[in-house]
């Protein structure tokens, strides 16, 4: 996963009718302009491939984004393998990144579902390969996600409302913000 919360693969979200379009918005007022406001419009070509554009309006930066689930999660041991690219903000650096992750649903305990992931991201502007990891815990329409993006830790608490998902974000574990996703 890359540095933004909107690049999370669809396997971490509650199943719902797939309509194709995904619109995302994130606002973290204490971040620099390159990361303060982030929007994304993507299209799910099929259940394994999503493509689209990311836009940072305060710096007028458009970039290509894509997620490809190369291998679907199967059986008790086989994780999903996901490749992708997006333009992310890593601290004060705005850069295209390329990532590969493995994710696995581990099961349910007391109604809570656990899905960790781990992998690596290559950050163009830093010419550096960094580890990424996270854990999503879901119960019904609520979820909590911890992410390490390769440079910092993040936490989000989300509530699904039909085709909408609203999130409270703690970027870098210190900068509060909000995010919203709409599927259409």
C-alpha atoms as a PDB file:
ATOM      1  CA  UNK A   1       0.000   0.000   0.000  1.00  0.00           C
ATOM      2  CA  UNK A   2       1.150   3.414  -0.658  1.00  0.00           C
ATOM      3  CA  UNK A   3       1.141   6.523   1.463  1.00  0.00           C
ATOM      4  CA  UNK A   4      -2.502   7.415   0.972  1.00  0.00           C
ATOM      5  CA  UNK A   5      -5.455   5.764   2.645  1.00  0.00           C
ATOM      6  CA  UNK A   6      -7.385   5.542  -0.582  1.00  0.00           C
ATOM      7  CA  UNK A   7      -5.114   2.975  -2.154  1.00  0.00           C
ATOM      8  CA  UNK A   8      -6.307   0.269   0.168  1.00  0.00           C
ATOM      9  CA  UNK A   9      -7.319  -2.799  -1.845  1.00  0.00           C
ATOM     10  CA  UNK A  10     -11.014  -3.573  -2.071  1.00  0.00           C
ATOM     11  CA  UNK A  11     -10.554  -6.860  -0.191  1.00  0.00           C
ATOM     12  CA  UNK A  12     -10.424  -4.863   3.061  1.00  0.00           C
ATOM     13  CA  UNK A  13     -13.865  -3.351   2.582  1.00  0.00           C
ATOM     14  CA  UNK A  14     -17.256  -4.804   3.345  1.00  0.00           C
ATOM     15  CA  UNK A  15     -18.668  -6.526   0.223  1.00  0.00           C
ATOM     16  CA  UNK A  16     -21.252  -4.486  -1.606  1.00  0.00           C
ATOM     17  CA  UNK A  17     -22.610  -4.176  -5.106  1.00  0.00           C
ATOM     18  CA  UNK A  18     -19.775  -3.363  -7.490  1.00  0.00           C
ATOM     19  CA  UNK A  19     -20.839  -0.469  -9.665  1.00  0.00           C
ATOM     20  CA  UNK A  20     -17.509   0.450 -11.249  1.00  0.00           C
ATOM     21  CA  UNK A  21     -16.769   3.984 -10.087  1.00  0.00           C
ATOM     22  CA  UNK A  22     -14.930   4.959  -6.902  1.00  0.00           C
ATOM     23  CA  UNK A  23     -14.598   8.598  -5.818  1.00  0.00           C
ATOM     24  CA  UNK A  24     -12.314   9.420  -2.888  1.00  0.00           C
ATOM     25  CA  UNK A  25     -11.576  12.570  -0.935  1.00  0.00           C
ATOM     26  CA  UNK A  26      -9.137  13.153   1.934  1.00  0.00           C
ATOM     27  CA  UNK A  27      -8.512  16.360   3.901  1.00  0.00           C
ATOM     28  CA  UNK A  28      -5.780  16.681   6.514  1.00  0.00           C
ATOM     29  CA  UNK A  29      -5.527  20.402   7.349  1.00  0.00           C
ATOM     30  CA  UNK A  30      -2.112  20.281   9.063  1.00  0.00           C
ATOM     31  CA  UNK A  31      -0.300  18.685   6.102  1.00  0.00           C
ATOM     32  CA  UNK A  32       1.670  20.655   3.493  1.00  0.00           C
ATOM     33  CA  UNK A  33      -0.226  21.672   0.339  1.00  0.00           C
ATOM     34  CA  UNK A  34       0.856  18.535  -1.582  1.00  0.00           C
ATOM     35  CA  UNK A  35      -1.016  16.339   0.905  1.00  0.00           C
ATOM     36  CA  UNK A  36      -3.601  18.594   2.520  1.00  0.00           C
ATOM     37  CA  UNK A  37      -6.360  17.816  -0.014  1.00  0.00           C
ATOM     38  CA  UNK A  38      -6.294  14.625  -2.049  1.00  0.00           C
ATOM     39  CA  UNK A  39      -8.946  13.330  -4.451  1.00  0.00           C
ATOM     40  CA  UNK A  40      -9.146  10.273  -6.637  1.00  0.00           C
ATOM     41  CA  UNK A  41     -11.496   8.977  -9.309  1.00  0.00           C
ATOM     42  CA  UNK A  42     -11.065   5.327 -10.236  1.00  0.00           C
ATOM     43  CA  UNK A  43     -12.869   2.684 -12.223  1.00  0.00           C
ATOM     44  CA  UNK A  44     -13.018  -1.017 -11.388  1.00  0.00           C
ATOM     45  CA  UNK A  45     -12.561  -2.710 -14.740  1.00  0.00           C
ATOM     46  CA  UNK A  46     -13.164  -6.031 -13.000  1.00  0.00           C
ATOM     47  CA  UNK A  47     -12.803  -7.373  -9.438  1.00  0.00           C
ATOM     48  CA  UNK A  48      -9.016  -7.508  -9.826  1.00  0.00           C
ATOM     49  CA  UNK A  49      -8.110  -4.316 -11.738  1.00  0.00           C
ATOM     50  CA  UNK A  50      -8.764  -0.671 -10.806  1.00  0.00           C
ATOM     51  CA  UNK A  51      -7.406   2.304 -12.778  1.00  0.00           C
ATOM     52  CA  UNK A  52      -7.859   6.041 -12.480  1.00  0.00           C
ATOM     53  CA  UNK A  53      -6.476   9.464 -11.698  1.00  0.00           C
ATOM     54  CA  UNK A  54      -5.406  11.063  -8.450  1.00  0.00           C
ATOM     55  CA  UNK A  55      -5.566  14.850  -8.089  1.00  0.00           C
ATOM     56  CA  UNK A  56      -4.027  17.220  -5.555  1.00  0.00           C
ATOM     57  CA  UNK A  57      -5.870  20.519  -6.158  1.00  0.00           C
ATOM     58  CA  UNK A  58      -3.618  22.769  -4.041  1.00  0.00           C
ATOM     59  CA  UNK A  59      -0.578  21.855  -6.170  1.00  0.00           C
ATOM     60  CA  UNK A  60      -2.565  21.140  -9.382  1.00  0.00           C
ATOM     61  CA  UNK A  61      -0.976  17.687  -9.651  1.00  0.00           C
ATOM     62  CA  UNK A  62      -2.704  14.912 -11.649  1.00  0.00           C
ATOM     63  CA  UNK A  63      -1.254  11.386 -11.642  1.00  0.00           C
ATOM     64  CA  UNK A  64      -2.099   7.876 -12.795  1.00  0.00           C
ATOM     65  CA  UNK A  65      -3.133   5.256 -10.243  1.00  0.00           C
ATOM     66  CA  UNK A  66      -3.820   1.540 -10.594  1.00  0.00           C
ATOM     67  CA  UNK A  67      -4.257  -1.577  -8.435  1.00  0.00           C
ATOM     68  CA  UNK A  68      -4.011  -5.090  -9.862  1.00  0.00           C
ATOM     69  CA  UNK A  69      -4.787  -8.118  -7.737  1.00  0.00           C
ATOM     70  CA  UNK A  70      -2.492 -10.573  -9.503  1.00  0.00           C
ATOM     71  CA  UNK A  71      -3.450 -13.523  -7.308  1.00  0.00           C
ATOM     72  CA  UNK A  72      -6.722 -13.791  -5.407  1.00  0.00           C
ATOM     73  CA  UNK A  73      -6.692 -15.064  -1.855  1.00  0.00           C
ATOM     74  CA  UNK A  74      -7.495 -18.784  -1.833  1.00  0.00           C
ATOM     75  CA  UNK A  75      -7.779 -21.508   0.742  1.00  0.00           C
ATOM     76  CA  UNK A  76      -6.327 -21.444   4.215  1.00  0.00           C
ATOM     77  CA  UNK A  77      -2.805 -20.377   3.298  1.00  0.00           C
ATOM     78  CA  UNK A  78      -2.642 -18.546  -0.056  1.00  0.00           C
ATOM     79  CA  UNK A  79      -2.595 -14.727   0.312  1.00  0.00           C
ATOM     80  CA  UNK A  80      -3.729 -12.186  -2.262  1.00  0.00           C
ATOM     81  CA  UNK A  81      -0.871 -10.526  -4.175  1.00  0.00           C
ATOM     82  CA  UNK A  82      -1.487  -6.925  -5.241  1.00  0.00           C
ATOM     83  CA  UNK A  83       0.626  -4.660  -7.469  1.00  0.00           C
ATOM     84  CA  UNK A  84      -0.045  -0.969  -7.915  1.00  0.00           C
ATOM     85  CA  UNK A  85       1.092   2.562  -8.512  1.00  0.00           C
ATOM     86  CA  UNK A  86      -0.048   5.930  -7.187  1.00  0.00           C
ATOM     87  CA  UNK A  87       1.268   9.400  -6.512  1.00  0.00           C
ATOM     88  CA  UNK A  88       1.690   9.766  -2.764  1.00  0.00           C
ATOM     89  CA  UNK A  89       3.013  12.205  -0.230  1.00  0.00           C
ATOM     90  CA  UNK A  90       5.756  10.741   1.930  1.00  0.00           C
ATOM     91  CA  UNK A  91       6.302  13.358   4.627  1.00  0.00           C
ATOM     92  CA  UNK A  92       7.135  16.484   2.570  1.00  0.00           C
ATOM     93  CA  UNK A  93       7.908  14.584  -0.644  1.00  0.00           C
ATOM     94  CA  UNK A  94       5.334  14.165  -3.415  1.00  0.00           C
ATOM     95  CA  UNK A  95       6.271  11.139  -5.526  1.00  0.00           C
ATOM     96  CA  UNK A  96       4.969   8.375  -7.738  1.00  0.00           C
ATOM     97  CA  UNK A  97       5.308   5.058  -5.951  1.00  0.00           C
ATOM     98  CA  UNK A  98       5.091   1.433  -7.086  1.00  0.00           C
ATOM     99  CA  UNK A  99       4.099  -1.245  -4.605  1.00  0.00           C
ATOM    100  CA  UNK A 100       3.622  -4.958  -4.145  1.00  0.00           C
ATOM    101  CA  UNK A 101       1.781  -6.428  -1.164  1.00  0.00           C
ATOM    102  CA  UNK A 102       0.522  -9.736   0.139  1.00  0.00           C
ATOM    103  CA  UNK A 103      -2.675  -9.701   2.191  1.00  0.00           C
ATOM    104  CA  UNK A 104      -4.558 -12.419   4.011  1.00  0.00           C
ATOM    105  CA  UNK A 105      -7.874 -12.671   5.837  1.00  0.00           C
ATOM    106  CA  UNK A 106      -6.950 -14.493   9.043  1.00  0.00           C
ATOM    107  CA  UNK A 107     -10.434 -15.199  10.294  1.00  0.00           C
ATOM    108  CA  UNK A 108     -12.912 -13.980  12.851  1.00  0.00           C
ATOM    109  CA  UNK A 109     -12.743 -13.738  16.614  1.00  0.00           C
ATOM    110  CA  UNK A 110     -15.754 -12.518  18.650  1.00  0.00           C
ATOM    111  CA  UNK A 111     -17.232 -10.995  15.475  1.00  0.00           C
ATOM    112  CA  UNK A 112     -14.030  -9.100  14.583  1.00  0.00           C
ATOM    113  CA  UNK A 113     -12.394  -9.906  11.216  1.00  0.00           C
ATOM    114  CA  UNK A 114      -8.606  -9.572  10.891  1.00  0.00           C
ATOM    115  CA  UNK A 115      -6.752  -8.879   7.618  1.00  0.00           C
ATOM    116  CA  UNK A 116      -3.029  -7.979   7.700  1.00  0.00           C
ATOM    117  CA  UNK A 117      -0.858  -7.049   4.726  1.00  0.00           C
ATOM    118  CA  UNK A 118       2.860  -6.573   4.128  1.00  0.00           C
ATOM    119  CA  UNK A 119       5.028  -5.678   1.176  1.00  0.00           C
ATOM    120  CA  UNK A 120       7.236  -2.988  -0.248  1.00  0.00           C
ATOM    121  CA  UNK A 121       6.928   0.328  -2.059  1.00  0.00           C
ATOM    122  CA  UNK A 122       9.467   1.958  -4.362  1.00  0.00           C
ATOM    123  CA  UNK A 123       9.394   5.749  -3.957  1.00  0.00           C
ATOM    124  CA  UNK A 124      10.597   7.421  -7.202  1.00  0.00           C
ATOM    125  CA  UNK A 125      11.704  10.762  -5.717  1.00  0.00           C
ATOM    126  CA  UNK A 126      13.757   9.010  -3.032  1.00  0.00           C
ATOM    127  CA  UNK A 127      15.014   6.209  -5.325  1.00  0.00           C
ATOM    128  CA  UNK A 128      14.326   3.974  -2.366  1.00  0.00           C
ATOM    129  CA  UNK A 129      12.541   0.700  -1.670  1.00  0.00           C
ATOM    130  CA  UNK A 130      10.715   0.743   1.667  1.00  0.00           C
ATOM    131  CA  UNK A 131       8.639  -1.794   3.627  1.00  0.00           C
ATOM    132  CA  UNK A 132       4.879  -1.305   4.025  1.00  0.00           C
ATOM    133  CA  UNK A 133       2.505  -3.132   6.336  1.00  0.00           C
ATOM    134  CA  UNK A 134      -0.831  -2.840   8.017  1.00  0.00           C
ATOM    135  CA  UNK A 135      -3.740  -4.469   9.735  1.00  0.00           C
ATOM    136  CA  UNK A 136      -7.447  -4.000   9.094  1.00  0.00           C
ATOM    137  CA  UNK A 137      -9.912  -5.039  11.810  1.00  0.00           C
ATOM    138  CA  UNK A 138     -13.589  -5.026  10.867  1.00  0.00           C
ATOM    139  CA  UNK A 139     -16.809  -5.644  12.747  1.00  0.00           C
ATOM    140  CA  UNK A 140     -19.966  -5.137  10.709  1.00  0.00           C
ATOM    141  CA  UNK A 141     -19.947  -1.673   9.139  1.00  0.00           C
ATOM    142  CA  UNK A 142     -17.061  -0.425  11.339  1.00  0.00           C
ATOM    143  CA  UNK A 143     -13.346  -0.902  10.675  1.00  0.00           C
ATOM    144  CA  UNK A 144     -10.029   0.263  12.061  1.00  0.00           C
ATOM    145  CA  UNK A 145      -6.897   0.249   9.928  1.00  0.00           C
ATOM    146  CA  UNK A 146      -3.304   0.695  11.019  1.00  0.00           C
ATOM    147  CA  UNK A 147      -0.836   1.381   8.170  1.00  0.00           C
ATOM    148  CA  UNK A 148       2.894   1.863   7.879  1.00  0.00           C
ATOM    149  CA  UNK A 149       3.360   3.609   4.514  1.00  0.00           C
ATOM    150  CA  UNK A 150       7.116   3.273   4.172  1.00  0.00           C
ATOM    151  CA  UNK A 151       7.835   6.523   6.011  1.00  0.00           C
ATOM    152  CA  UNK A 152       5.187   6.971   8.740  1.00  0.00           C
ATOM    153  CA  UNK A 153       2.392   5.247  10.674  1.00  0.00           C
ATOM    154  CA  UNK A 154      -1.273   6.075  10.128  1.00  0.00           C
ATOM    155  CA  UNK A 155      -4.536   5.091  11.749  1.00  0.00           C
ATOM    156  CA  UNK A 156      -8.089   5.346  10.433  1.00  0.00           C
ATOM    157  CA  UNK A 157     -11.509   4.533  11.835  1.00  0.00           C
ATOM    158  CA  UNK A 158     -14.194   4.013   9.200  1.00  0.00           C
ATOM    159  CA  UNK A 159     -17.953   3.599   9.064  1.00  0.00           C
ATOM    160  CA  UNK A 160     -19.646   2.220   5.989  1.00  0.00           C
ATOM    161  CA  UNK A 161     -22.985   3.822   5.085  1.00  0.00           C
ATOM    162  CA  UNK A 162     -24.300   1.967   2.019  1.00  0.00           C
ATOM    163  CA  UNK A 163     -22.192   3.132  -0.920  1.00  0.00           C
ATOM    164  CA  UNK A 164     -20.381   5.681   1.266  1.00  0.00           C
ATOM    165  CA  UNK A 165     -17.488   5.152   3.661  1.00  0.00           C
ATOM    166  CA  UNK A 166     -16.619   7.941   6.110  1.00  0.00           C
ATOM    167  CA  UNK A 167     -13.277   7.867   7.941  1.00  0.00           C
ATOM    168  CA  UNK A 168     -11.473   9.717  10.685  1.00  0.00           C
ATOM    169  CA  UNK A 169      -7.745   9.720   9.959  1.00  0.00           C
ATOM    170  CA  UNK A 170      -4.724  10.190  12.205  1.00  0.00           C
ATOM    171  CA  UNK A 171      -1.909  10.829   9.707  1.00  0.00           C
ATOM    172  CA  UNK A 172       1.544  10.164  11.071  1.00  0.00           C
ATOM    173  CA  UNK A 173      -0.240   9.371  14.349  1.00  0.00           C
ATOM    174  CA  UNK A 174      -0.453  13.136  14.998  1.00  0.00           C
ATOM    175  CA  UNK A 175      -2.338  14.990  12.220  1.00  0.00           C
ATOM    176  CA  UNK A 176      -6.137  14.515  12.297  1.00  0.00           C
ATOM    177  CA  UNK A 177      -8.200  14.521   9.138  1.00  0.00           C
ATOM    178  CA  UNK A 178     -11.181  13.039   7.361  1.00  0.00           C
ATOM    179  CA  UNK A 179     -11.692  10.843   4.319  1.00  0.00           C
ATOM    180  CA  UNK A 180     -14.738   9.873   2.316  1.00  0.00           C
ATOM    181  CA  UNK A 181     -15.288   7.242  -0.385  1.00  0.00           C
ATOM    182  CA  UNK A 182     -18.326   6.889  -2.657  1.00  0.00           C
ATOM    183  CA  UNK A 183     -18.957   3.933  -4.963  1.00  0.00           C
ATOM    184  CA  UNK A 184     -21.152   4.549  -7.983  1.00  0.00           C
END
